Amino acid sequence: AEAKFRHAEATFESAQNAPAGGDERSLNGAVTNPSGTAIVTPQMRLHFWFNAKRLRSSEMLEVQRMVKKCCPAALVPLNSGDIKIDVDALDFRSFMRLDVHVRSVLVQR
């Protein structure tokens, strides 16, 4: 999982250093906005959602703990007592960390 995160982080760093180009894919696949900042695409959010839906309750609680550490504003309490993760509120780095974690949990099953 750490190796995957380091790869994702390297992708993020190179995307951050790429010249601004306006929502274009760089050579490493990251998408940047006009200011050159890496962004989370709708497809990335969808894949994360599908993968997160496959997690067990205990695994999802760990994801919530990770969100609480990296971006507490992304946790939204619902009237039912459940907690929703607002993926749009996550910065790119936090999203990538969570995505890699979720994928690694699923792969280790």
PDB file of N, CA and C in Angstrom:
ATOM      1  N   ALA A   1       0.824  -1.190   0.000  1.00  0.00           N
ATOM      2  CA  ALA A   1       0.000   0.000   0.000  1.00  0.00           C
ATOM      3  C   ALA A   1       0.874   1.262   0.000  1.00  0.00           C
ATOM      4  N   GLU A   2       1.956   1.218   0.754  1.00  0.00           N
ATOM      5  CA  GLU A   2       2.843   2.386   0.797  1.00  0.00           C
ATOM      6  C   GLU A   2       3.485   2.653  -0.562  1.00  0.00           C
ATOM      7  N   ALA A   3       3.873   1.590  -1.259  1.00  0.00           N
ATOM      8  CA  ALA A   3       4.480   1.767  -2.582  1.00  0.00           C
ATOM      9  C   ALA A   3       3.469   2.378  -3.547  1.00  0.00           C
ATOM     10  N   LYS A   4       2.222   1.930  -3.462  1.00  0.00           N
ATOM     11  CA  LYS A   4       1.180   2.482  -4.326  1.00  0.00           C
ATOM     12  C   LYS A   4       0.949   3.949  -3.999  1.00  0.00           C
ATOM     13  N   PHE A   5       0.966   4.270  -2.690  1.00  0.00           N
ATOM     14  CA  PHE A   5       0.768   5.664  -2.306  1.00  0.00           C
ATOM     15  C   PHE A   5       1.929   6.516  -2.803  1.00  0.00           C
ATOM     16  N   ARG A   6       3.160   6.016  -2.668  1.00  0.00           N
ATOM     17  CA  ARG A   6       4.316   6.787  -3.142  1.00  0.00           C
ATOM     18  C   ARG A   6       4.220   7.029  -4.645  1.00  0.00           C
ATOM     19  N   HIS A   7       3.741   6.026  -5.400  1.00  0.00           N
ATOM     20  CA  HIS A   7       3.567   6.205  -6.844  1.00  0.00           C
ATOM     21  C   HIS A   7       2.508   7.272  -7.118  1.00  0.00           C
ATOM     22  N   ALA A   8       1.371   7.185  -6.392  1.00  0.00           N
ATOM     23  CA  ALA A   8       0.310   8.181  -6.569  1.00  0.00           C
ATOM     24  C   ALA A   8       0.806   9.564  -6.176  1.00  0.00           C
ATOM     25  N   GLU A   9       1.595   9.626  -5.103  1.00  0.00           N
ATOM     26  CA  GLU A   9       2.134  10.902  -4.655  1.00  0.00           C
ATOM     27  C   GLU A   9       3.104  11.476  -5.687  1.00  0.00           C
ATOM     28  N   ALA A  10       3.930  10.602  -6.290  1.00  0.00           N
ATOM     29  CA  ALA A  10       4.858  11.058  -7.336  1.00  0.00           C
ATOM     30  C   ALA A  10       4.071  11.579  -8.540  1.00  0.00           C
ATOM     31  N   THR A  11       2.978  10.898  -8.874  1.00  0.00           N
ATOM     32  CA  THR A  11       2.118  11.355  -9.959  1.00  0.00           C
ATOM     33  C   THR A  11       1.560  12.726  -9.635  1.00  0.00           C
ATOM     34  N   PHE A  12       1.127  12.895  -8.385  1.00  0.00           N
ATOM     35  CA  PHE A  12       0.596  14.173  -7.948  1.00  0.00           C
ATOM     36  C   PHE A  12       1.663  15.260  -8.026  1.00  0.00           C
ATOM     37  N   GLU A  13       2.863  14.963  -7.532  1.00  0.00           N
ATOM     38  CA  GLU A  13       3.940  15.952  -7.541  1.00  0.00           C
ATOM     39  C   GLU A  13       4.291  16.365  -8.963  1.00  0.00           C
ATOM     40  N   SER A  14       4.382  15.388  -9.871  1.00  0.00           N
ATOM     41  CA  SER A  14       4.744  15.747 -11.246  1.00  0.00           C
ATOM     42  C   SER A  14       3.608  16.532 -11.900  1.00  0.00           C
ATOM     43  N   ALA A  15       2.363  16.207 -11.534  1.00  0.00           N
ATOM     44  CA  ALA A  15       1.234  16.976 -12.075  1.00  0.00           C
ATOM     45  C   ALA A  15       1.245  18.397 -11.534  1.00  0.00           C
ATOM     46  N   GLN A  16       1.638  18.544 -10.269  1.00  0.00           N
ATOM     47  CA  GLN A  16       1.711  19.869  -9.675  1.00  0.00           C
ATOM     48  C   GLN A  16       2.779  20.722 -10.372  1.00  0.00           C
ATOM     49  N   ASN A  17       3.842  20.080 -10.802  1.00  0.00           N
ATOM     50  CA  ASN A  17       4.942  20.798 -11.430  1.00  0.00           C
ATOM     51  C   ASN A  17       4.790  20.949 -12.939  1.00  0.00           C
ATOM     52  N   ALA A  18       3.753  20.332 -13.492  1.00  0.00           N
ATOM     53  CA  ALA A  18       3.532  20.419 -14.941  1.00  0.00           C
ATOM     54  C   ALA A  18       3.065  21.825 -15.302  1.00  0.00           C
ATOM     55  N   PRO A  19       3.371  22.277 -16.501  1.00  0.00           N
ATOM     56  CA  PRO A  19       2.905  23.603 -16.911  1.00  0.00           C
ATOM     57  C   PRO A  19       1.392  23.650 -17.003  1.00  0.00           C
ATOM     58  N   ALA A  20       0.840  24.800 -16.705  1.00  0.00           N
ATOM     59  CA  ALA A  20      -0.611  24.974 -16.773  1.00  0.00           C
ATOM     60  C   ALA A  20      -1.066  24.773 -18.211  1.00  0.00           C
ATOM     61  N   GLY A  21      -2.133  24.001 -18.365  1.00  0.00           N
ATOM     62  CA  GLY A  21      -2.570  23.734 -19.718  1.00  0.00           C
ATOM     63  C   GLY A  21      -4.069  23.722 -19.880  1.00  0.00           C
ATOM     64  N   GLY A  22      -4.806  23.791 -18.803  1.00  0.00           N
ATOM     65  CA  GLY A  22      -6.251  23.857 -18.925  1.00  0.00           C
ATOM     66  C   GLY A  22      -6.914  22.516 -19.102  1.00  0.00           C
ATOM     67  N   ASP A  23      -7.129  21.813 -18.026  1.00  0.00           N
ATOM     68  CA  ASP A  23      -7.850  20.554 -17.999  1.00  0.00           C
ATOM     69  C   ASP A  23      -7.344  19.569 -19.047  1.00  0.00           C
ATOM     70  N   GLU A  24      -6.055  19.384 -19.099  1.00  0.00           N
ATOM     71  CA  GLU A  24      -5.465  18.432 -20.033  1.00  0.00           C
ATOM     72  C   GLU A  24      -4.762  17.340 -19.272  1.00  0.00           C
ATOM     73  N   ARG A  25      -4.673  16.184 -19.891  1.00  0.00           N
ATOM     74  CA  ARG A  25      -3.948  15.074 -19.271  1.00  0.00           C
ATOM     75  C   ARG A  25      -2.458  15.243 -19.537  1.00  0.00           C
ATOM     76  N   SER A  26      -1.695  15.068 -18.467  1.00  0.00           N
ATOM     77  CA  SER A  26      -0.254  15.088 -18.627  1.00  0.00           C
ATOM     78  C   SER A  26       0.186  13.693 -19.052  1.00  0.00           C
ATOM     79  N   LEU A  27       1.460  13.501 -19.257  1.00  0.00           N
ATOM     80  CA  LEU A  27       1.964  12.204 -19.692  1.00  0.00           C
ATOM     81  C   LEU A  27       1.696  11.113 -18.670  1.00  0.00           C
ATOM     82  N   ASN A  28       1.613  11.462 -17.388  1.00  0.00           N
ATOM     83  CA  ASN A  28       1.387  10.447 -16.358  1.00  0.00           C
ATOM     84  C   ASN A  28      -0.090  10.194 -16.095  1.00  0.00           C
ATOM     85  N   GLY A  29      -0.999  10.839 -16.789  1.00  0.00           N
ATOM     86  CA  GLY A  29      -2.416  10.577 -16.670  1.00  0.00           C
ATOM     87  C   GLY A  29      -3.163  11.502 -15.739  1.00  0.00           C
ATOM     88  N   ALA A  30      -2.476  12.319 -14.977  1.00  0.00           N
ATOM     89  CA  ALA A  30      -3.164  13.237 -14.073  1.00  0.00           C
ATOM     90  C   ALA A  30      -3.834  14.342 -14.876  1.00  0.00           C
ATOM     91  N   VAL A  31      -4.962  14.812 -14.392  1.00  0.00           N
ATOM     92  CA  VAL A  31      -5.682  15.894 -15.049  1.00  0.00           C
ATOM     93  C   VAL A  31      -5.437  17.160 -14.246  1.00  0.00           C
ATOM     94  N   THR A  32      -5.166  18.240 -14.946  1.00  0.00           N
ATOM     95  CA  THR A  32      -4.911  19.508 -14.273  1.00  0.00           C
ATOM     96  C   THR A  32      -5.948  20.538 -14.697  1.00  0.00           C
ATOM     97  N   ASN A  33      -6.175  21.503 -13.812  1.00  0.00           N
ATOM     98  CA  ASN A  33      -7.068  22.603 -14.158  1.00  0.00           C
ATOM     99  C   ASN A  33      -6.235  23.707 -14.813  1.00  0.00           C
ATOM    100  N   PRO A  34      -6.829  24.813 -15.226  1.00  0.00           N
ATOM    101  CA  PRO A  34      -6.066  25.859 -15.917  1.00  0.00           C
ATOM    102  C   PRO A  34      -4.875  26.409 -15.131  1.00  0.00           C
ATOM    103  N   SER A  35      -4.926  26.332 -13.796  1.00  0.00           N
ATOM    104  CA  SER A  35      -3.792  26.834 -13.010  1.00  0.00           C
ATOM    105  C   SER A  35      -2.693  25.784 -12.863  1.00  0.00           C
ATOM    106  N   GLY A  36      -2.915  24.574 -13.401  1.00  0.00           N
ATOM    107  CA  GLY A  36      -1.893  23.533 -13.343  1.00  0.00           C
ATOM    108  C   GLY A  36      -2.003  22.633 -12.132  1.00  0.00           C
ATOM    109  N   THR A  37      -3.037  22.803 -11.334  1.00  0.00           N
ATOM    110  CA  THR A  37      -3.236  21.988 -10.144  1.00  0.00           C
ATOM    111  C   THR A  37      -3.933  20.693 -10.524  1.00  0.00           C
ATOM    112  N   ALA A  38      -3.457  19.567  -9.989  1.00  0.00           N
ATOM    113  CA  ALA A  38      -4.090  18.275 -10.256  1.00  0.00           C
ATOM    114  C   ALA A  38      -5.487  18.268  -9.653  1.00  0.00           C
ATOM    115  N   ILE A  39      -6.432  17.667 -10.361  1.00  0.00           N
ATOM    116  CA  ILE A  39      -7.813  17.623  -9.892  1.00  0.00           C
ATOM    117  C   ILE A  39      -8.327  16.186  -9.884  1.00  0.00           C
ATOM    118  N   VAL A  40      -9.357  15.969  -9.084  1.00  0.00           N
ATOM    119  CA  VAL A  40     -10.041  14.680  -9.038  1.00  0.00           C
ATOM    120  C   VAL A  40     -11.149  14.725 -10.090  1.00  0.00           C
ATOM    121  N   THR A  41     -11.097  13.825 -11.040  1.00  0.00           N
ATOM    122  CA  THR A  41     -12.081  13.810 -12.122  1.00  0.00           C
ATOM    123  C   THR A  41     -13.350  13.078 -11.682  1.00  0.00           C
ATOM    124  N   PRO A  42     -14.450  13.305 -12.382  1.00  0.00           N
ATOM    125  CA  PRO A  42     -15.675  12.554 -12.063  1.00  0.00           C
ATOM    126  C   PRO A  42     -15.468  11.041 -12.162  1.00  0.00           C
ATOM    127  N   GLN A  43     -14.682  10.604 -13.117  1.00  0.00           N
ATOM    128  CA  GLN A  43     -14.417   9.170 -13.261  1.00  0.00           C
ATOM    129  C   GLN A  43     -13.657   8.632 -12.051  1.00  0.00           C
ATOM    130  N   MET A  44     -12.691   9.395 -11.532  1.00  0.00           N
ATOM    131  CA  MET A  44     -11.949   8.981 -10.341  1.00  0.00           C
ATOM    132  C   MET A  44     -12.888   8.879  -9.142  1.00  0.00           C
ATOM    133  N   ARG A  45     -13.784   9.864  -8.999  1.00  0.00           N
ATOM    134  CA  ARG A  45     -14.745   9.834  -7.894  1.00  0.00           C
ATOM    135  C   ARG A  45     -15.668   8.633  -8.012  1.00  0.00           C
ATOM    136  N   LEU A  46     -16.114   8.315  -9.231  1.00  0.00           N
ATOM    137  CA  LEU A  46     -17.006   7.182  -9.454  1.00  0.00           C
ATOM    138  C   LEU A  46     -16.318   5.865  -9.090  1.00  0.00           C
ATOM    139  N   HIS A  47     -15.080   5.688  -9.523  1.00  0.00           N
ATOM    140  CA  HIS A  47     -14.332   4.467  -9.187  1.00  0.00           C
ATOM    141  C   HIS A  47     -14.157   4.353  -7.673  1.00  0.00           C
ATOM    142  N   PHE A  48     -13.843   5.466  -7.032  1.00  0.00           N
ATOM    143  CA  PHE A  48     -13.690   5.457  -5.579  1.00  0.00           C
ATOM    144  C   PHE A  48     -15.003   5.040  -4.918  1.00  0.00           C
ATOM    145  N   TRP A  49     -16.115   5.590  -5.379  1.00  0.00           N
ATOM    146  CA  TRP A  49     -17.418   5.271  -4.810  1.00  0.00           C
ATOM    147  C   TRP A  49     -17.728   3.780  -4.955  1.00  0.00           C
ATOM    148  N   PHE A  50     -17.517   3.233  -6.170  1.00  0.00           N
ATOM    149  CA  PHE A  50     -17.772   1.806  -6.393  1.00  0.00           C
ATOM    150  C   PHE A  50     -16.906   0.954  -5.476  1.00  0.00           C
ATOM    151  N   ASN A  51     -15.646   1.316  -5.341  1.00  0.00           N
ATOM    152  CA  ASN A  51     -14.758   0.544  -4.473  1.00  0.00           C
ATOM    153  C   ASN A  51     -15.147   0.686  -3.008  1.00  0.00           C
ATOM    154  N   ALA A  52     -15.473   1.896  -2.578  1.00  0.00           N
ATOM    155  CA  ALA A  52     -15.843   2.128  -1.182  1.00  0.00           C
ATOM    156  C   ALA A  52     -17.123   1.366  -0.821  1.00  0.00           C
ATOM    157  N   LYS A  53     -18.045   1.228  -1.758  1.00  0.00           N
ATOM    158  CA  LYS A  53     -19.283   0.484  -1.504  1.00  0.00           C
ATOM    159  C   LYS A  53     -19.004  -0.990  -1.207  1.00  0.00           C
ATOM    160  N   ARG A  54     -17.856  -1.493  -1.635  1.00  0.00           N
ATOM    161  CA  ARG A  54     -17.499  -2.898  -1.422  1.00  0.00           C
ATOM    162  C   ARG A  54     -16.821  -3.132  -0.069  1.00  0.00           C
ATOM    163  N   LEU A  55     -16.533  -2.059   0.661  1.00  0.00           N
ATOM    164  CA  LEU A  55     -15.866  -2.201   1.952  1.00  0.00           C
ATOM    165  C   LEU A  55     -16.820  -2.721   3.016  1.00  0.00           C
ATOM    166  N   ARG A  56     -16.260  -3.451   3.965  1.00  0.00           N
ATOM    167  CA  ARG A  56     -17.020  -3.877   5.145  1.00  0.00           C
ATOM    168  C   ARG A  56     -17.166  -2.676   6.070  1.00  0.00           C
ATOM    169  N   SER A  57     -18.074  -2.783   7.023  1.00  0.00           N
ATOM    170  CA  SER A  57     -18.326  -1.675   7.951  1.00  0.00           C
ATOM    171  C   SER A  57     -17.062  -1.251   8.688  1.00  0.00           C
ATOM    172  N   SER A  58     -16.293  -2.207   9.169  1.00  0.00           N
ATOM    173  CA  SER A  58     -15.066  -1.879   9.907  1.00  0.00           C
ATOM    174  C   SER A  58     -14.046  -1.188   9.002  1.00  0.00           C
ATOM    175  N   GLU A  59     -14.000  -1.601   7.754  1.00  0.00           N
ATOM    176  CA  GLU A  59     -13.075  -0.987   6.800  1.00  0.00           C
ATOM    177  C   GLU A  59     -13.513   0.437   6.466  1.00  0.00           C
ATOM    178  N   MET A  60     -14.821   0.638   6.370  1.00  0.00           N
ATOM    179  CA  MET A  60     -15.333   1.976   6.085  1.00  0.00           C
ATOM    180  C   MET A  60     -15.089   2.914   7.265  1.00  0.00           C
ATOM    181  N   LEU A  61     -15.166   2.385   8.485  1.00  0.00           N
ATOM    182  CA  LEU A  61     -14.862   3.195   9.662  1.00  0.00           C
ATOM    183  C   LEU A  61     -13.406   3.665   9.635  1.00  0.00           C
ATOM    184  N   GLU A  62     -12.517   2.807   9.160  1.00  0.00           N
ATOM    185  CA  GLU A  62     -11.107   3.209   9.037  1.00  0.00           C
ATOM    186  C   GLU A  62     -10.959   4.328   8.013  1.00  0.00           C
ATOM    187  N   VAL A  63     -11.693   4.261   6.908  1.00  0.00           N
ATOM    188  CA  VAL A  63     -11.658   5.325   5.900  1.00  0.00           C
ATOM    189  C   VAL A  63     -12.174   6.623   6.524  1.00  0.00           C
ATOM    190  N   GLN A  64     -13.233   6.539   7.301  1.00  0.00           N
ATOM    191  CA  GLN A  64     -13.757   7.730   7.967  1.00  0.00           C
ATOM    192  C   GLN A  64     -12.731   8.328   8.931  1.00  0.00           C
ATOM    193  N   ARG A  65     -12.000   7.460   9.646  1.00  0.00           N
ATOM    194  CA  ARG A  65     -10.947   7.957  10.547  1.00  0.00           C
ATOM    195  C   ARG A  65      -9.849   8.670   9.759  1.00  0.00           C
ATOM    196  N   MET A  66      -9.512   8.122   8.591  1.00  0.00           N
ATOM    197  CA  MET A  66      -8.495   8.759   7.746  1.00  0.00           C
ATOM    198  C   MET A  66      -8.979  10.132   7.280  1.00  0.00           C
ATOM    199  N   VAL A  67     -10.249  10.219   6.888  1.00  0.00           N
ATOM    200  CA  VAL A  67     -10.810  11.498   6.442  1.00  0.00           C
ATOM    201  C   VAL A  67     -10.803  12.491   7.598  1.00  0.00           C
ATOM    202  N   LYS A  68     -11.145  12.019   8.788  1.00  0.00           N
ATOM    203  CA  LYS A  68     -11.168  12.905   9.964  1.00  0.00           C
ATOM    204  C   LYS A  68      -9.796  13.512  10.217  1.00  0.00           C
ATOM    205  N   LYS A  69      -8.732  12.735   9.933  1.00  0.00           N
ATOM    206  CA  LYS A  69      -7.366  13.237  10.134  1.00  0.00           C
ATOM    207  C   LYS A  69      -6.950  14.216   9.041  1.00  0.00           C
ATOM    208  N   CYS A  70      -7.258  13.889   7.796  1.00  0.00           N
ATOM    209  CA  CYS A  70      -6.730  14.694   6.690  1.00  0.00           C
ATOM    210  C   CYS A  70      -7.644  15.833   6.259  1.00  0.00           C
ATOM    211  N   CYS A  71      -8.958  15.679   6.422  1.00  0.00           N
ATOM    212  CA  CYS A  71      -9.887  16.705   5.943  1.00  0.00           C
ATOM    213  C   CYS A  71     -11.234  16.565   6.661  1.00  0.00           C
ATOM    214  N   PRO A  72     -11.295  16.959   7.939  1.00  0.00           N
ATOM    215  CA  PRO A  72     -12.523  16.765   8.715  1.00  0.00           C
ATOM    216  C   PRO A  72     -13.756  17.433   8.110  1.00  0.00           C
ATOM    217  N   ALA A  73     -13.562  18.487   7.335  1.00  0.00           N
ATOM    218  CA  ALA A  73     -14.699  19.177   6.715  1.00  0.00           C
ATOM    219  C   ALA A  73     -15.417  18.290   5.693  1.00  0.00           C
ATOM    220  N   ALA A  74     -14.772  17.218   5.244  1.00  0.00           N
ATOM    221  CA  ALA A  74     -15.375  16.327   4.259  1.00  0.00           C
ATOM    222  C   ALA A  74     -16.329  15.316   4.896  1.00  0.00           C
ATOM    223  N   LEU A  75     -16.377  15.269   6.226  1.00  0.00           N
ATOM    224  CA  LEU A  75     -17.316  14.380   6.910  1.00  0.00           C
ATOM    225  C   LEU A  75     -18.613  15.140   7.179  1.00  0.00           C
ATOM    226  N   VAL A  76     -19.705  14.610   6.649  1.00  0.00           N
ATOM    227  CA  VAL A  76     -21.002  15.275   6.765  1.00  0.00           C
ATOM    228  C   VAL A  76     -21.952  14.353   7.537  1.00  0.00           C
ATOM    229  N   PRO A  77     -22.362  14.772   8.741  1.00  0.00           N
ATOM    230  CA  PRO A  77     -23.321  13.949   9.492  1.00  0.00           C
ATOM    231  C   PRO A  77     -24.705  13.998   8.845  1.00  0.00           C
ATOM    232  N   LEU A  78     -25.350  12.851   8.749  1.00  0.00           N
ATOM    233  CA  LEU A  78     -26.686  12.761   8.168  1.00  0.00           C
ATOM    234  C   LEU A  78     -27.730  12.636   9.278  1.00  0.00           C
ATOM    235  N   ASN A  79     -28.975  12.943   8.967  1.00  0.00           N
ATOM    236  CA  ASN A  79     -30.066  12.856   9.953  1.00  0.00           C
ATOM    237  C   ASN A  79     -30.219  11.444  10.500  1.00  0.00           C
ATOM    238  N   SER A  80     -29.866  10.451   9.711  1.00  0.00           N
ATOM    239  CA  SER A  80     -29.996   9.046  10.125  1.00  0.00           C
ATOM    240  C   SER A  80     -28.945   8.640  11.144  1.00  0.00           C
ATOM    241  N   GLY A  81     -27.974   9.513  11.382  1.00  0.00           N
ATOM    242  CA  GLY A  81     -26.890   9.183  12.303  1.00  0.00           C
ATOM    243  C   GLY A  81     -25.642   8.687  11.587  1.00  0.00           C
ATOM    244  N   ASP A  82     -25.790   8.373  10.307  1.00  0.00           N
ATOM    245  CA  ASP A  82     -24.634   7.952   9.514  1.00  0.00           C
ATOM    246  C   ASP A  82     -23.773   9.166   9.187  1.00  0.00           C
ATOM    247  N   ILE A  83     -22.588   8.886   8.686  1.00  0.00           N
ATOM    248  CA  ILE A  83     -21.676   9.956   8.274  1.00  0.00           C
ATOM    249  C   ILE A  83     -21.346   9.756   6.804  1.00  0.00           C
ATOM    250  N   LYS A  84     -21.528  10.811   6.031  1.00  0.00           N
ATOM    251  CA  LYS A  84     -21.227  10.791   4.592  1.00  0.00           C
ATOM    252  C   LYS A  84     -19.867  11.438   4.381  1.00  0.00           C
ATOM    253  N   ILE A  85     -19.102  10.883   3.445  1.00  0.00           N
ATOM    254  CA  ILE A  85     -17.836  11.502   3.058  1.00  0.00           C
ATOM    255  C   ILE A  85     -18.096  12.314   1.799  1.00  0.00           C
ATOM    256  N   ASP A  86     -17.914  13.622   1.900  1.00  0.00           N
ATOM    257  CA  ASP A  86     -18.086  14.516   0.753  1.00  0.00           C
ATOM    258  C   ASP A  86     -16.778  14.511  -0.043  1.00  0.00           C
ATOM    259  N   VAL A  87     -16.728  13.670  -1.057  1.00  0.00           N
ATOM    260  CA  VAL A  87     -15.502  13.494  -1.839  1.00  0.00           C
ATOM    261  C   VAL A  87     -15.090  14.802  -2.508  1.00  0.00           C
ATOM    262  N   ASP A  88     -16.056  15.635  -2.866  1.00  0.00           N
ATOM    263  CA  ASP A  88     -15.740  16.914  -3.504  1.00  0.00           C
ATOM    264  C   ASP A  88     -15.000  17.862  -2.569  1.00  0.00           C
ATOM    265  N   ALA A  89     -15.114  17.647  -1.270  1.00  0.00           N
ATOM    266  CA  ALA A  89     -14.435  18.507  -0.301  1.00  0.00           C
ATOM    267  C   ALA A  89     -12.981  18.096  -0.063  1.00  0.00           C
ATOM    268  N   LEU A  90     -12.578  16.944  -0.600  1.00  0.00           N
ATOM    269  CA  LEU A  90     -11.207  16.454  -0.409  1.00  0.00           C
ATOM    270  C   LEU A  90     -10.256  17.105  -1.402  1.00  0.00           C
ATOM    271  N   ASP A  91      -9.069  17.449  -0.937  1.00  0.00           N
ATOM    272  CA  ASP A  91      -8.042  17.905  -1.863  1.00  0.00           C
ATOM    273  C   ASP A  91      -7.489  16.686  -2.600  1.00  0.00           C
ATOM    274  N   PHE A  92      -6.738  16.934  -3.666  1.00  0.00           N
ATOM    275  CA  PHE A  92      -6.249  15.841  -4.514  1.00  0.00           C
ATOM    276  C   PHE A  92      -5.398  14.848  -3.730  1.00  0.00           C
ATOM    277  N   ARG A  93      -4.498  15.353  -2.928  1.00  0.00           N
ATOM    278  CA  ARG A  93      -3.598  14.470  -2.167  1.00  0.00           C
ATOM    279  C   ARG A  93      -4.380  13.579  -1.204  1.00  0.00           C
ATOM    280  N   SER A  94      -5.327  14.150  -0.484  1.00  0.00           N
ATOM    281  CA  SER A  94      -6.143  13.366   0.451  1.00  0.00           C
ATOM    282  C   SER A  94      -6.973  12.333  -0.303  1.00  0.00           C
ATOM    283  N   PHE A  95      -7.549  12.742  -1.429  1.00  0.00           N
ATOM    284  CA  PHE A  95      -8.333  11.804  -2.234  1.00  0.00           C
ATOM    285  C   PHE A  95      -7.462  10.626  -2.670  1.00  0.00           C
ATOM    286  N   MET A  96      -6.266  10.914  -3.162  1.00  0.00           N
ATOM    287  CA  MET A  96      -5.388   9.848  -3.632  1.00  0.00           C
ATOM    288  C   MET A  96      -5.002   8.907  -2.496  1.00  0.00           C
ATOM    289  N   ARG A  97      -4.730   9.462  -1.329  1.00  0.00           N
ATOM    290  CA  ARG A  97      -4.378   8.636  -0.171  1.00  0.00           C
ATOM    291  C   ARG A  97      -5.535   7.691   0.167  1.00  0.00           C
ATOM    292  N   LEU A  98      -6.758   8.214   0.181  1.00  0.00           N
ATOM    293  CA  LEU A  98      -7.923   7.384   0.484  1.00  0.00           C
ATOM    294  C   LEU A  98      -8.170   6.350  -0.609  1.00  0.00           C
ATOM    295  N   ASP A  99      -8.055   6.760  -1.859  1.00  0.00           N
ATOM    296  CA  ASP A  99      -8.287   5.855  -2.978  1.00  0.00           C
ATOM    297  C   ASP A  99      -7.301   4.686  -2.944  1.00  0.00           C
ATOM    298  N   VAL A 100      -6.039   4.982  -2.712  1.00  0.00           N
ATOM    299  CA  VAL A 100      -5.027   3.920  -2.636  1.00  0.00           C
ATOM    300  C   VAL A 100      -5.321   2.990  -1.462  1.00  0.00           C
ATOM    301  N   HIS A 101      -5.728   3.569  -0.339  1.00  0.00           N
ATOM    302  CA  HIS A 101      -6.047   2.742   0.832  1.00  0.00           C
ATOM    303  C   HIS A 101      -7.212   1.806   0.528  1.00  0.00           C
ATOM    304  N   VAL A 102      -8.282   2.334  -0.035  1.00  0.00           N
ATOM    305  CA  VAL A 102      -9.459   1.514  -0.342  1.00  0.00           C
ATOM    306  C   VAL A 102      -9.096   0.397  -1.312  1.00  0.00           C
ATOM    307  N   ARG A 103      -8.358   0.727  -2.346  1.00  0.00           N
ATOM    308  CA  ARG A 103      -7.965  -0.294  -3.327  1.00  0.00           C
ATOM    309  C   ARG A 103      -7.087  -1.369  -2.684  1.00  0.00           C
ATOM    310  N   SER A 104      -6.172  -0.959  -1.820  1.00  0.00           N
ATOM    311  CA  SER A 104      -5.282  -1.932  -1.193  1.00  0.00           C
ATOM    312  C   SER A 104      -6.057  -2.851  -0.246  1.00  0.00           C
ATOM    313  N   VAL A 105      -7.059  -2.330   0.444  1.00  0.00           N
ATOM    314  CA  VAL A 105      -7.900  -3.160   1.312  1.00  0.00           C
ATOM    315  C   VAL A 105      -8.622  -4.217   0.478  1.00  0.00           C
ATOM    316  N   LEU A 106      -9.168  -3.805  -0.646  1.00  0.00           N
ATOM    317  CA  LEU A 106      -9.897  -4.743  -1.501  1.00  0.00           C
ATOM    318  C   LEU A 106      -8.972  -5.800  -2.108  1.00  0.00           C
ATOM    319  N   VAL A 107      -7.779  -5.408  -2.465  1.00  0.00           N
ATOM    320  CA  VAL A 107      -6.827  -6.344  -3.079  1.00  0.00           C
ATOM    321  C   VAL A 107      -6.355  -7.381  -2.060  1.00  0.00           C
ATOM    322  N   GLN A 108      -6.235  -6.995  -0.806  1.00  0.00           N
ATOM    323  CA  GLN A 108      -5.722  -7.892   0.222  1.00  0.00           C
ATOM    324  C   GLN A 108      -6.733  -8.919   0.681  1.00  0.00           C
ATOM    325  N   ARG A 109      -7.952  -8.851   0.232  1.00  0.00           N
ATOM    326  CA  ARG A 109      -8.974  -9.831   0.643  1.00  0.00           C
ATOM    327  C   ARG A 109      -8.710 -11.179   0.037  1.00  0.00           C
TER     328      ARG A 109
END
